[in-house]
Amino acid sequence: MAKRAIKLHDKRTLHVYSSSPQDLKDWLEEFNWVTSHNFIEIRQGLLNDGADFLLIDMRTVPSETLVQIRYLHKHFSNVVMVVLIDDAQLYWGQEAITLGADAYVSRDHFSSAGLWMLMDSLLKQKGQRLTLASNNRAQDPLINKTLFFDRLKHALMSAIRHQCHTGILLINLNDYSALIKENNDALNEGLLTQLEKRLVSAMRDCDTLARLQPGVYGVILQGLESEVMVVDIARKIQRVFEKVIPVSNYPYQISISIGGHLCLTDNMNADNFYQQACVALQYAKQNSQQDLWFYEQTLNFKTIARTNIENGLINALKNNEFVLQYLPSHLGNGFLINGVMALLRWEHPSSGTVLPSVFMEQLLNSGLIIEVGEWWIDSALHQFKEWLDNRHISARQQLFLAITKEQLSHSGFIKMLARNLALYRINAEKIVLVVSEIMAINNIKQLKKLSNSIPGICLSVQLGDFTKGYSSLTYLKEIDVDYIFLDSYFVQTSYLDVRESSIVKIIIDITHTMGIEVMATGIHSLAQAEKMQSLGCDGLQGDFFSSPLYAHLWPKYIHGKAR
């Protein structure tokens, strides 16, 4: 019995708003209570120590406290909020509950121990109620802390079943304390709404966002195929906060710190996983030079490396370090040149020529692909026009340009492309846009819009490995495709395996019946070229003919070939 009494009367921190706190001294002896007659101080105290309990004395100025109760209910939803009234103030107590208070009490009806037991019971009920409310609030992108841990446990178990990774990011608003002091409630509410919208915009649809406590958000990242995906999403969140947030015609700049963690197969305890992420967040908050930090040291090395690449790409765009090389393609019957593909390269000042396999992922994840892609297209069209004017391109030769889903989805892409075609007076029929197969399948509507907006422009689909589960060719009925590019996988397997050769033959025959030409890429030998030619490929491309050329070498190459 003695042990139970000690547990029952275990003191907890209670924040008290009252104009006469000394009158409550004996009544609150079961709590470690902190008092204030200023709501700004109350908010700051709740923010600093994360207390679960708040008592608001409404006996003197009840009408003034109601507005504060509404604000506290929204932004401190995990805190049990009880109001103190006199017996003659039942109306004000009911109003407080309507605005978000959890209960109202009177000193005449509650002893000190009774108040402790009431608040303890309300805390348990509140956790259950918030969980149910979150489950029923499908349109709200934010969940509460209780549901956050439930989903984290589920995500950790799911990661093992599906052989993928689960990550967690904790985002701290560094300026939150100053905001609640300096601004009025309406302004703070508008600012937080904009902040949360930006967080959602940086996340994937399958990710979970939670408001863990005022000024701190948690993100659960499920189904990560690669461990560096958690780094890329964290960097994306950082970037959306680099821009000012306009609220009431005033620009706000909010700094954030991010602590992250990636689940390992032997770390299935959600509480430990969360606490380790908290350690990383604490380090990020204390070190101004590292506002993004992970619990796993290897991820920090990768973060720094990827950040360096991203910064290098930004400088490359500023310093004109990007260049283009041109890979010729040849007809399948006779090896005559039928076109050229513009390839992006990075001429690093110290590392030399860097291939896209090194930097393209960062170019996509950082959003720089939009700006770099515009330069890529403009430079290729400018060079193509120069070759046309100097008779280095024949009437049957086309320019192939690879585009990404980020470019296609960008609102200004079609206008930019149409503008450049008009500027250089190049017929749309001379341009072939190359997209991946999965991109074609998932962006049929955008590709139709592109074809309708720029009549005559050609489209090519890069056909990948059938074993990856994308290839079906049914999408060819939906969009107007001029070329199918066979990946080097098809070239290698059909050359070595009779069954694979039969599959390639079927693909070629199907596409030919639909009026689509087939281009085989990755040709490295005469035997491969002859094999793909025998299967009926209309075009061939690869190092067997030529490695990618700089622009000044193109005239010499093309005039050395039959035209």
Protein backbone atom coordinates (compact mmCIF):
# COMPACT_ATOMS: atom_id res chain seq x y z
CA MET A 1 0.00 0.00 0.00
CA ALA A 2 2.84 2.38 0.77
CA LYS A 3 4.37 1.88 -2.67
CA ARG A 4 1.00 2.52 -4.33
CA ALA A 5 0.56 5.76 -2.36
CA ILE A 6 3.97 6.99 -3.45
CA LYS A 7 3.17 6.24 -7.08
CA LEU A 8 -0.27 7.86 -6.81
CA HIS A 9 1.17 11.04 -5.33
CA ASP A 10 4.23 11.21 -7.56
CA LYS A 11 4.55 14.92 -8.19
CA ARG A 12 4.29 16.23 -11.73
CA THR A 13 4.88 19.69 -13.14
CA LEU A 14 1.77 21.85 -13.29
CA HIS A 15 1.72 25.28 -14.93
CA VAL A 16 -0.72 27.65 -13.29
CA TYR A 17 -2.19 30.89 -14.65
CA SER A 18 -3.55 32.93 -11.77
CA SER A 19 -3.58 36.50 -10.49
CA SER A 20 -3.46 35.26 -6.86
CA PRO A 21 -1.41 32.05 -6.84
CA GLN A 22 -0.67 32.18 -3.09
CA ASP A 23 -4.33 31.38 -2.38
CA LEU A 24 -3.77 28.04 -4.16
CA LYS A 25 -0.58 27.04 -2.36
CA ASP A 26 -2.10 24.39 -0.06
CA TRP A 27 -4.46 23.11 -2.75
CA LEU A 28 -1.65 22.39 -5.22
CA GLU A 29 0.72 20.66 -2.80
CA GLU A 30 0.57 17.40 -4.81
CA PHE A 31 2.23 19.11 -7.82
CA ASN A 32 5.50 20.80 -8.64
CA TRP A 33 3.69 23.91 -9.74
CA VAL A 34 4.95 26.91 -11.68
CA THR A 35 2.82 30.04 -11.72
CA SER A 36 2.46 33.07 -13.98
CA HIS A 37 -0.07 35.80 -14.58
CA ASN A 38 1.11 36.20 -18.21
CA PHE A 39 -0.02 33.82 -20.97
CA ILE A 40 3.16 34.44 -22.97
CA GLU A 41 5.15 33.08 -20.04
CA ILE A 42 2.74 30.14 -19.75
CA ARG A 43 3.29 29.21 -23.41
CA GLN A 44 7.04 29.57 -23.03
CA GLY A 45 7.03 27.36 -19.96
CA LEU A 46 4.99 24.64 -21.65
CA LEU A 47 7.34 24.82 -24.62
CA ASN A 48 10.51 24.56 -22.52
CA ASP A 49 9.70 21.74 -20.12
CA GLY A 50 7.01 19.83 -22.06
CA ALA A 51 4.66 19.64 -19.03
CA ASP A 52 1.41 17.68 -19.35
CA PHE A 53 -0.79 19.81 -17.07
CA LEU A 54 -2.11 23.38 -17.10
CA LEU A 55 -4.49 25.02 -14.61
CA ILE A 56 -6.17 28.30 -15.58
CA ASP A 57 -7.77 30.37 -12.83
CA MET A 58 -10.91 31.94 -14.37
CA ARG A 59 -12.34 33.32 -11.14
CA THR A 60 -11.34 36.96 -11.69
CA VAL A 61 -11.43 37.77 -15.44
CA PRO A 62 -13.12 34.80 -17.15
CA SER A 63 -13.93 36.55 -20.44
CA GLU A 64 -10.28 37.45 -21.12
CA THR A 65 -9.07 33.90 -20.65
CA LEU A 66 -11.47 32.31 -23.15
CA VAL A 67 -9.51 33.58 -26.20
CA GLN A 68 -6.32 32.17 -24.69
CA ILE A 69 -7.98 28.80 -24.08
CA ARG A 70 -8.86 28.50 -27.78
CA TYR A 71 -5.25 29.23 -28.80
CA LEU A 72 -3.74 26.86 -26.22
CA HIS A 73 -6.09 24.06 -27.25
CA LYS A 74 -4.95 24.28 -30.88
CA HIS A 75 -1.20 24.63 -30.34
CA PHE A 76 -0.74 22.59 -27.13
CA SER A 77 -3.22 19.82 -27.86
CA ASN A 78 -1.30 17.23 -25.81
CA VAL A 79 -1.56 19.29 -22.58
CA VAL A 80 -4.38 18.60 -20.12
CA MET A 81 -6.06 21.98 -19.55
CA VAL A 82 -8.30 22.41 -16.49
CA VAL A 83 -10.00 25.69 -15.51
CA LEU A 84 -10.70 26.78 -11.93
CA ILE A 85 -14.08 28.47 -11.28
CA ASP A 86 -16.35 29.39 -8.41
CA ASP A 87 -19.63 27.56 -7.95
CA ALA A 88 -21.47 30.58 -9.36
CA GLN A 89 -19.44 30.48 -12.61
CA LEU A 90 -20.69 27.25 -14.16
CA TYR A 91 -21.52 29.09 -17.40
CA TRP A 92 -17.89 30.16 -17.82
CA GLY A 93 -16.69 26.64 -17.15
CA GLN A 94 -18.97 25.25 -19.86
CA GLU A 95 -17.74 27.93 -22.30
CA ALA A 96 -14.14 26.97 -21.54
CA ILE A 97 -14.86 23.33 -22.36
CA THR A 98 -16.51 24.40 -25.64
CA LEU A 99 -13.30 26.23 -26.58
CA GLY A 100 -10.99 23.33 -25.74
CA ALA A 101 -10.56 22.98 -21.96
CA ASP A 102 -10.67 19.40 -20.70
CA ALA A 103 -12.57 20.06 -17.44
CA TYR A 104 -13.56 22.73 -14.94
CA VAL A 105 -13.20 22.37 -11.18
CA SER A 106 -14.02 24.19 -7.95
CA ARG A 107 -11.90 24.17 -4.81
CA ASP A 108 -15.01 23.35 -2.77
CA HIS A 109 -15.51 20.04 -4.59
CA PHE A 110 -11.94 18.82 -5.23
CA SER A 111 -9.25 18.03 -2.73
CA SER A 112 -5.58 18.28 -3.64
CA ALA A 113 -5.34 14.50 -4.19
CA GLY A 114 -8.63 14.56 -6.09
CA LEU A 115 -7.27 17.19 -8.47
CA TRP A 116 -4.17 15.03 -9.07
CA MET A 117 -6.26 11.95 -9.86
CA LEU A 118 -8.57 13.94 -12.16
CA MET A 119 -5.68 15.28 -14.20
CA ASP A 120 -4.02 11.88 -14.40
CA SER A 121 -7.26 10.36 -15.68
CA LEU A 122 -7.78 13.19 -18.18
CA LEU A 123 -4.25 12.67 -19.53
CA LYS A 124 -4.98 9.02 -20.33
CA GLN A 125 -8.36 9.85 -21.88
CA LYS A 126 -6.81 12.61 -23.95
CA GLY A 127 -4.29 10.26 -25.54
CA GLN A 128 -7.05 7.83 -26.55
CA ARG A 129 -9.27 10.64 -27.82
CA LEU A 130 -6.53 12.20 -29.94
CA THR A 131 -5.77 8.84 -31.53
CA LEU A 132 -9.40 8.31 -32.50
CA ALA A 133 -9.70 11.88 -33.79
CA SER A 134 -6.61 11.46 -35.95
CA ASN A 135 -7.94 8.24 -37.46
CA ASN A 136 -11.18 9.99 -38.40
CA ARG A 137 -9.47 13.10 -39.78
CA ALA A 138 -8.19 11.76 -43.09
CA GLN A 139 -7.93 15.20 -44.74
CA ASP A 140 -5.64 16.61 -42.03
CA PRO A 141 -2.00 16.07 -43.04
CA LEU A 142 -0.84 16.30 -39.41
CA ILE A 143 -1.27 13.67 -36.74
CA ASN A 144 -0.61 13.81 -33.00
CA LYS A 145 2.23 12.35 -30.99
CA THR A 146 0.31 9.27 -29.85
CA LEU A 147 -0.63 8.21 -33.36
CA PHE A 148 2.89 9.10 -34.53
CA PHE A 149 4.35 6.35 -32.33
CA ASP A 150 1.70 3.86 -33.44
CA ARG A 151 2.59 4.48 -37.09
CA LEU A 152 6.30 4.40 -36.35
CA LYS A 153 5.96 0.93 -34.82
CA HIS A 154 3.97 -0.24 -37.86
CA ALA A 155 6.54 1.26 -40.26
CA LEU A 156 9.43 -0.51 -38.52
CA MET A 157 7.68 -3.87 -38.78
CA SER A 158 6.71 -3.22 -42.39
CA ALA A 159 10.34 -2.42 -43.29
CA ILE A 160 11.42 -5.97 -42.46
CA ARG A 161 8.54 -7.58 -44.35
CA HIS A 162 9.18 -5.57 -47.50
CA GLN A 163 12.99 -5.46 -47.33
CA CYS A 164 13.17 -1.65 -47.29
CA HIS A 165 14.23 1.12 -44.92
CA THR A 166 12.30 3.31 -42.48
CA GLY A 167 13.58 6.74 -41.59
CA ILE A 168 12.59 9.43 -39.14
CA LEU A 169 13.19 13.19 -39.26
CA LEU A 170 12.64 15.58 -36.34
CA ILE A 171 12.30 19.21 -37.42
CA ASN A 172 12.77 21.98 -34.86
CA LEU A 173 11.66 25.56 -35.57
CA ASN A 174 14.59 27.44 -34.07
CA ASP A 175 12.71 30.74 -33.86
CA TYR A 176 9.49 29.40 -32.39
CA SER A 177 10.00 30.84 -28.89
CA ALA A 178 10.65 34.30 -30.27
CA LEU A 179 7.62 34.09 -32.54
CA ILE A 180 5.13 33.39 -29.78
CA LYS A 181 6.58 36.29 -27.80
CA GLU A 182 6.73 38.90 -30.54
CA ASN A 183 3.62 38.26 -32.64
CA ASN A 184 -0.08 38.18 -31.96
CA ASP A 185 -2.00 34.91 -32.01
CA ALA A 186 -3.59 35.44 -35.45
CA LEU A 187 -0.22 36.13 -37.05
CA ASN A 188 1.38 33.12 -35.39
CA GLU A 189 -1.45 30.88 -36.52
CA GLY A 190 -1.13 32.06 -40.13
CA LEU A 191 2.62 31.59 -40.03
CA LEU A 192 2.41 28.06 -38.61
CA THR A 193 -0.16 27.14 -41.24
CA GLN A 194 2.23 28.22 -43.99
CA LEU A 195 5.10 26.36 -42.33
CA GLU A 196 3.12 23.14 -42.19
CA LYS A 197 2.08 23.47 -45.82
CA ARG A 198 5.73 23.76 -46.81
CA LEU A 199 6.60 20.67 -44.82
CA VAL A 200 3.86 18.70 -46.58
CA SER A 201 5.05 19.94 -49.99
CA ALA A 202 8.54 18.54 -49.36
CA MET A 203 7.29 15.09 -48.40
CA ARG A 204 6.18 12.11 -50.45
CA ASP A 205 2.56 10.95 -50.41
CA CYS A 206 3.47 7.88 -48.34
CA ASP A 207 5.23 9.89 -45.60
CA THR A 208 3.64 10.84 -42.26
CA LEU A 209 3.84 14.28 -40.64
CA ALA A 210 3.11 14.87 -36.95
CA ARG A 211 3.09 17.86 -34.62
CA LEU A 212 5.00 16.35 -31.69
CA GLN A 213 5.08 19.48 -29.57
CA PRO A 214 4.95 23.23 -30.24
CA GLY A 215 7.72 24.07 -32.65
CA VAL A 216 8.76 20.44 -33.24
CA TYR A 217 7.51 18.21 -36.06
CA GLY A 218 8.20 14.58 -36.84
CA VAL A 219 8.26 12.86 -40.23
CA ILE A 220 8.10 9.09 -40.72
CA LEU A 221 9.62 7.98 -44.02
CA GLN A 222 8.39 4.57 -45.12
CA GLY A 223 9.47 2.35 -48.00
CA LEU A 224 12.89 3.91 -48.57
CA GLU A 225 14.58 1.88 -51.30
CA SER A 226 17.94 3.49 -50.63
CA GLU A 227 19.41 4.80 -47.39
CA VAL A 228 20.36 8.11 -48.99
CA MET A 229 16.69 8.85 -49.70
CA VAL A 230 16.34 10.02 -46.09
CA VAL A 231 19.17 12.47 -46.77
CA ASP A 232 17.55 13.76 -49.96
CA ILE A 233 14.15 14.33 -48.30
CA ALA A 234 15.81 16.14 -45.38
CA ARG A 235 17.68 18.39 -47.82
CA LYS A 236 14.45 19.07 -49.68
CA ILE A 237 12.81 20.18 -46.42
CA GLN A 238 15.77 22.46 -45.77
CA ARG A 239 15.41 24.06 -49.19
CA VAL A 240 11.72 24.91 -48.80
CA PHE A 241 12.57 26.82 -45.61
CA GLU A 242 15.31 28.83 -47.30
CA LYS A 243 12.64 30.99 -48.93
CA VAL A 244 10.84 33.70 -46.97
CA ILE A 245 7.26 33.04 -45.84
CA PRO A 246 4.87 35.95 -46.56
CA VAL A 247 2.22 36.40 -43.85
CA SER A 248 0.04 39.54 -43.67
CA ASN A 249 2.30 41.27 -46.23
CA TYR A 250 5.37 40.73 -44.07
CA PRO A 251 8.21 38.34 -45.01
CA TYR A 252 9.37 35.87 -42.36
CA GLN A 253 12.56 33.84 -42.53
CA ILE A 254 12.42 30.75 -40.32
CA SER A 255 15.51 28.69 -39.53
CA ILE A 256 15.19 25.01 -38.72
CA SER A 257 17.32 22.21 -37.32
CA ILE A 258 16.80 18.60 -38.40
CA GLY A 259 17.77 15.44 -36.58
CA GLY A 260 17.41 12.19 -38.48
CA HIS A 261 17.80 8.46 -38.11
CA LEU A 262 17.59 5.45 -40.40
CA CYS A 263 16.30 2.13 -39.13
CA LEU A 264 18.67 -0.81 -39.11
CA THR A 265 17.26 -4.34 -39.11
CA ASP A 266 18.16 -4.87 -35.45
CA ASN A 267 16.57 -1.63 -34.24
CA MET A 268 12.88 -2.48 -33.92
CA ASN A 269 12.13 -0.54 -30.74
CA ALA A 270 10.19 2.59 -31.71
CA ASP A 271 10.97 4.41 -28.44
CA ASN A 272 14.71 3.81 -28.78
CA PHE A 273 14.59 4.74 -32.44
CA TYR A 274 12.86 8.03 -31.58
CA GLN A 275 15.24 8.82 -28.71
CA GLN A 276 18.24 8.30 -30.98
CA ALA A 277 16.71 10.74 -33.48
CA CYS A 278 16.28 13.18 -30.58
CA VAL A 279 20.02 12.89 -29.87
CA ALA A 280 20.72 13.81 -33.50
CA LEU A 281 18.32 16.77 -33.29
CA GLN A 282 19.97 18.04 -30.13
CA TYR A 283 23.35 17.95 -31.86
CA ALA A 284 21.93 19.83 -34.87
CA LYS A 285 20.44 22.52 -32.60
CA GLN A 286 23.69 23.03 -30.71
CA ASN A 287 25.97 23.18 -33.77
CA SER A 288 25.17 26.10 -36.05
CA GLN A 289 27.43 24.70 -38.78
CA GLN A 290 25.53 21.38 -38.90
CA ASP A 291 21.79 22.13 -38.87
CA LEU A 292 21.14 18.68 -40.38
CA TRP A 293 22.53 15.72 -38.45
CA PHE A 294 21.93 11.98 -38.38
CA TYR A 295 22.41 9.50 -35.56
CA GLU A 296 24.27 7.18 -37.95
CA GLN A 297 27.66 8.71 -38.70
CA THR A 298 27.88 7.19 -42.18
CA LEU A 299 24.79 9.14 -43.20
CA ASN A 300 26.45 12.37 -42.08
CA PHE A 301 29.39 11.66 -44.37
CA LYS A 302 26.98 11.01 -47.25
CA THR A 303 25.03 14.17 -46.39
CA ILE A 304 28.17 16.27 -46.55
CA ALA A 305 29.22 14.62 -49.83
CA ARG A 306 25.82 15.17 -51.45
CA THR A 307 25.69 18.74 -50.19
CA ASN A 308 29.11 19.39 -51.69
CA ILE A 309 27.94 17.99 -55.04
CA GLU A 310 24.80 20.12 -54.90
CA ASN A 311 26.81 23.26 -54.12
CA GLY A 312 29.18 22.33 -56.93
CA LEU A 313 26.25 22.04 -59.35
CA ILE A 314 25.00 25.47 -58.32
CA ASN A 315 28.44 26.91 -58.98
CA ALA A 316 28.68 24.97 -62.24
CA LEU A 317 25.56 26.71 -63.49
CA LYS A 318 26.88 30.11 -62.44
CA ASN A 319 30.35 29.54 -63.87
CA ASN A 320 29.28 27.90 -67.17
CA GLU A 321 30.92 24.59 -66.32
CA PHE A 322 28.23 22.50 -68.05
CA VAL A 323 28.97 21.41 -71.61
CA LEU A 324 27.32 19.18 -74.18
CA GLN A 325 28.64 16.20 -76.08
CA TYR A 326 26.88 14.68 -79.07
CA LEU A 327 26.38 10.97 -79.72
CA PRO A 328 25.57 10.06 -83.34
CA SER A 329 22.99 7.44 -84.25
CA HIS A 330 23.02 5.39 -87.44
CA LEU A 331 20.53 3.68 -89.69
CA GLY A 332 20.30 -0.05 -89.21
CA ASN A 333 20.79 -0.82 -92.91
CA GLY A 334 24.08 0.70 -93.94
CA PHE A 335 25.15 2.65 -90.89
CA LEU A 336 24.19 6.03 -92.38
CA ILE A 337 23.87 8.82 -89.79
CA ASN A 338 20.25 9.60 -88.98
CA GLY A 339 20.58 11.83 -85.94
CA VAL A 340 22.50 12.99 -82.89
CA MET A 341 21.75 12.93 -79.16
CA ALA A 342 22.79 15.86 -76.95
CA LEU A 343 24.39 14.62 -73.72
CA LEU A 344 25.07 16.71 -70.61
CA ARG A 345 28.55 16.80 -69.09
CA TRP A 346 30.08 18.71 -66.17
CA GLU A 347 33.56 20.08 -66.74
CA HIS A 348 34.66 20.27 -63.11
CA PRO A 349 37.56 22.74 -62.59
CA SER A 350 39.64 20.20 -60.63
CA SER A 351 38.10 16.77 -61.38
CA GLY A 352 37.79 17.08 -65.15
CA THR A 353 34.80 15.75 -67.12
CA VAL A 354 32.09 14.36 -64.82
CA LEU A 355 29.46 12.03 -66.27
CA PRO A 356 25.73 12.33 -65.41
CA SER A 357 25.82 9.03 -63.49
CA VAL A 358 27.70 10.93 -60.77
CA PHE A 359 25.59 14.08 -60.49
CA MET A 360 22.22 13.50 -62.20
CA GLU A 361 20.50 12.19 -59.08
CA GLN A 362 21.46 15.32 -57.16
CA LEU A 363 20.42 17.46 -60.08
CA LEU A 364 16.95 15.90 -59.89
CA ASN A 365 16.60 15.89 -56.11
CA SER A 366 17.73 19.49 -55.71
CA GLY A 367 15.35 20.86 -58.33
CA LEU A 368 18.26 22.27 -60.34
CA ILE A 369 17.22 20.10 -63.28
CA ILE A 370 14.68 22.76 -64.27
CA GLU A 371 17.26 25.51 -64.69
CA VAL A 372 19.99 23.23 -66.00
CA GLY A 373 17.46 21.54 -68.31
CA GLU A 374 16.56 24.89 -69.88
CA TRP A 375 20.24 25.59 -70.51
CA TRP A 376 20.64 22.06 -71.92
CA ILE A 377 17.78 22.45 -74.41
CA ASP A 378 18.71 26.02 -75.38
CA SER A 379 22.37 25.13 -75.98
CA ALA A 380 21.52 22.00 -77.98
CA LEU A 381 19.04 23.86 -80.20
CA HIS A 382 21.48 26.71 -80.72
CA GLN A 383 24.21 24.26 -81.80
CA PHE A 384 21.79 22.29 -83.99
CA LYS A 385 20.71 25.48 -85.74
CA GLU A 386 24.35 26.39 -86.37
CA TRP A 387 24.98 22.98 -87.94
CA LEU A 388 21.88 23.32 -90.09
CA ASP A 389 22.99 26.70 -91.37
CA ASN A 390 26.47 25.34 -92.17
CA ARG A 391 25.14 22.15 -93.81
CA HIS A 392 26.51 19.87 -91.12
CA ILE A 393 23.03 18.35 -90.60
CA SER A 394 21.08 16.77 -93.45
CA ALA A 395 17.33 16.84 -94.01
CA ARG A 396 16.83 13.34 -92.60
CA GLN A 397 18.87 13.85 -89.40
CA GLN A 398 17.19 14.74 -86.09
CA LEU A 399 18.24 16.01 -82.68
CA PHE A 400 17.46 13.72 -79.73
CA LEU A 401 16.92 15.36 -76.33
CA ALA A 402 16.34 13.39 -73.12
CA ILE A 403 13.91 15.02 -70.67
CA THR A 404 12.93 14.13 -67.09
CA LYS A 405 9.54 13.93 -65.39
CA GLU A 406 10.49 17.02 -63.35
CA GLN A 407 10.94 19.02 -66.56
CA LEU A 408 7.76 17.67 -68.14
CA SER A 409 5.74 18.48 -65.01
CA HIS A 410 7.09 22.03 -64.75
CA SER A 411 4.45 24.61 -65.67
CA GLY A 412 6.74 26.56 -68.01
CA PHE A 413 8.38 23.65 -69.86
CA ILE A 414 6.15 23.57 -72.95
CA LYS A 415 6.26 27.35 -73.39
CA MET A 416 10.04 27.33 -73.00
CA LEU A 417 10.47 24.61 -75.61
CA ALA A 418 8.08 26.27 -78.07
CA ARG A 419 9.82 29.62 -77.57
CA ASN A 420 13.27 28.18 -78.28
CA LEU A 421 12.06 26.35 -81.39
CA ALA A 422 10.63 29.63 -82.69
CA LEU A 423 13.76 31.57 -81.68
CA TYR A 424 16.09 29.28 -83.64
CA ARG A 425 13.52 28.65 -86.41
CA ILE A 426 13.78 24.88 -86.13
CA ASN A 427 10.91 22.72 -87.31
CA ALA A 428 9.40 20.64 -84.52
CA GLU A 429 9.75 17.50 -86.70
CA LYS A 430 13.53 17.75 -86.35
CA ILE A 431 13.37 17.31 -82.55
CA VAL A 432 12.87 13.99 -80.76
CA LEU A 433 12.22 14.09 -77.01
CA VAL A 434 13.39 10.93 -75.22
CA VAL A 435 11.58 9.78 -72.06
CA SER A 436 11.90 6.69 -69.91
CA GLU A 437 9.24 4.00 -70.12
CA ILE A 438 8.00 4.43 -66.54
CA MET A 439 7.79 8.17 -67.18
CA ALA A 440 5.68 7.55 -70.29
CA ILE A 441 3.34 5.24 -68.40
CA ASN A 442 2.81 7.68 -65.51
CA ASN A 443 2.64 10.91 -67.53
CA ILE A 444 0.36 10.11 -70.48
CA LYS A 445 -1.76 13.23 -69.93
CA GLN A 446 1.26 15.57 -69.92
CA LEU A 447 2.74 13.91 -73.02
CA LYS A 448 -0.56 14.31 -74.88
CA LYS A 449 -0.60 17.99 -73.90
CA LEU A 450 2.97 18.38 -75.16
CA SER A 451 2.12 16.81 -78.53
CA ASN A 452 -0.99 18.99 -78.89
CA SER A 453 0.85 22.18 -77.91
CA ILE A 454 3.82 21.63 -80.27
CA PRO A 455 2.43 19.85 -83.37
CA GLY A 456 4.92 17.67 -85.19
CA ILE A 457 7.36 17.21 -82.33
CA CYS A 458 8.60 13.62 -82.10
CA LEU A 459 8.63 11.39 -79.06
CA SER A 460 10.87 8.45 -78.18
CA VAL A 461 10.48 6.01 -75.28
CA GLN A 462 13.53 4.35 -73.71
CA LEU A 463 12.52 0.73 -73.19
CA GLY A 464 14.07 -0.73 -70.03
CA ASP A 465 14.64 -4.22 -68.69
CA PHE A 466 11.46 -6.35 -68.87
CA THR A 467 12.42 -8.00 -65.59
CA LYS A 468 11.86 -4.72 -63.75
CA GLY A 469 8.15 -5.05 -64.37
CA TYR A 470 7.47 -1.86 -66.34
CA SER A 471 7.27 -2.99 -69.95
CA SER A 472 3.83 -3.68 -71.38
CA LEU A 473 3.70 -1.53 -74.55
CA THR A 474 -0.03 -0.86 -73.93
CA TYR A 475 0.70 2.82 -73.34
CA LEU A 476 1.73 3.10 -77.02
CA LYS A 477 -1.99 3.21 -77.82
CA GLU A 478 -2.39 6.35 -75.71
CA ILE A 479 0.49 8.54 -76.88
CA ASP A 480 2.00 9.26 -80.30
CA VAL A 481 5.44 7.61 -80.19
CA ASP A 482 7.88 7.83 -83.10
CA TYR A 483 10.79 5.79 -81.74
CA ILE A 484 11.40 3.02 -79.25
CA PHE A 485 14.91 3.03 -77.80
CA LEU A 486 16.03 -0.47 -76.78
CA ASP A 487 18.24 -0.30 -73.70
CA SER A 488 21.71 -1.84 -73.87
CA TYR A 489 20.27 -4.71 -71.76
CA PHE A 490 18.40 -5.95 -74.86
CA VAL A 491 21.52 -5.70 -77.01
CA GLN A 492 23.62 -7.74 -74.58
CA THR A 493 21.04 -10.45 -73.82
CA SER A 494 19.79 -10.94 -77.38
CA TYR A 495 23.35 -11.36 -78.59
CA LEU A 496 24.01 -14.13 -76.04
CA ASP A 497 20.62 -15.81 -75.55
CA VAL A 498 18.27 -17.20 -78.24
CA ARG A 499 15.19 -16.74 -76.03
CA GLU A 500 16.02 -13.12 -75.34
CA SER A 501 16.64 -12.63 -79.04
CA SER A 502 13.11 -13.89 -79.73
CA ILE A 503 11.66 -11.42 -77.23
CA VAL A 504 13.49 -8.53 -78.90
CA LYS A 505 12.22 -9.70 -82.30
CA ILE A 506 8.63 -9.71 -81.01
CA ILE A 507 9.03 -6.17 -79.61
CA ILE A 508 10.41 -4.92 -82.91
CA ASP A 509 7.63 -6.58 -84.94
CA ILE A 510 4.89 -5.15 -82.66
CA THR A 511 6.27 -1.63 -82.79
CA HIS A 512 6.72 -1.83 -86.57
CA THR A 513 3.04 -2.76 -87.00
CA MET A 514 2.23 0.46 -85.10
CA GLY A 515 4.46 2.54 -87.38
CA ILE A 516 7.14 3.03 -84.73
CA GLU A 517 10.85 2.84 -85.51
CA VAL A 518 13.24 0.96 -83.20
CA MET A 519 16.64 2.24 -82.12
CA ALA A 520 19.13 -0.10 -80.36
CA THR A 521 21.53 1.60 -77.95
CA GLY A 522 24.77 0.42 -76.38
CA ILE A 523 26.29 -1.16 -79.52
CA HIS A 524 29.91 -1.94 -78.67
CA SER A 525 30.94 -4.42 -81.35
CA LEU A 526 30.37 -5.35 -85.00
CA ALA A 527 28.72 -8.61 -83.91
CA GLN A 528 26.16 -6.74 -81.80
CA ALA A 529 25.49 -4.31 -84.64
CA GLU A 530 24.91 -7.12 -87.12
CA LYS A 531 22.68 -9.00 -84.68
CA MET A 532 20.40 -6.00 -84.03
CA GLN A 533 20.38 -5.23 -87.75
CA SER A 534 19.26 -8.81 -88.50
CA LEU A 535 16.42 -8.48 -85.97
CA GLY A 536 15.11 -5.45 -87.87
CA CYS A 537 16.28 -2.46 -85.85
CA ASP A 538 15.88 0.81 -87.76
CA GLY A 539 18.70 2.59 -85.95
CA LEU A 540 21.86 1.79 -84.00
CA GLN A 541 23.79 3.83 -81.45
CA GLY A 542 26.90 3.14 -79.39
CA ASP A 543 30.65 3.29 -78.98
CA PHE A 544 31.18 0.93 -81.91
CA PHE A 545 30.43 3.87 -84.20
CA SER A 546 31.69 6.72 -82.08
CA SER A 547 32.02 7.86 -78.49
CA PRO A 548 30.23 11.16 -77.65
CA LEU A 549 31.81 14.08 -79.50
CA TYR A 550 32.33 17.71 -78.56
CA ALA A 551 30.55 20.12 -80.89
CA HIS A 552 33.66 21.24 -82.78
CA LEU A 553 34.41 17.61 -83.79
CA TRP A 554 30.98 16.93 -85.26
CA PRO A 555 31.58 18.45 -88.75
CA LYS A 556 34.71 16.36 -89.24
CA TYR A 557 32.91 13.20 -88.12
CA ILE A 558 29.80 13.66 -90.22
CA HIS A 559 31.64 14.61 -93.39
CA GLY A 560 33.79 11.52 -93.01
CA LYS A 561 30.65 9.40 -93.27
CA ALA A 562 28.35 8.78 -96.19
CA ARG A 563 25.32 11.06 -96.11
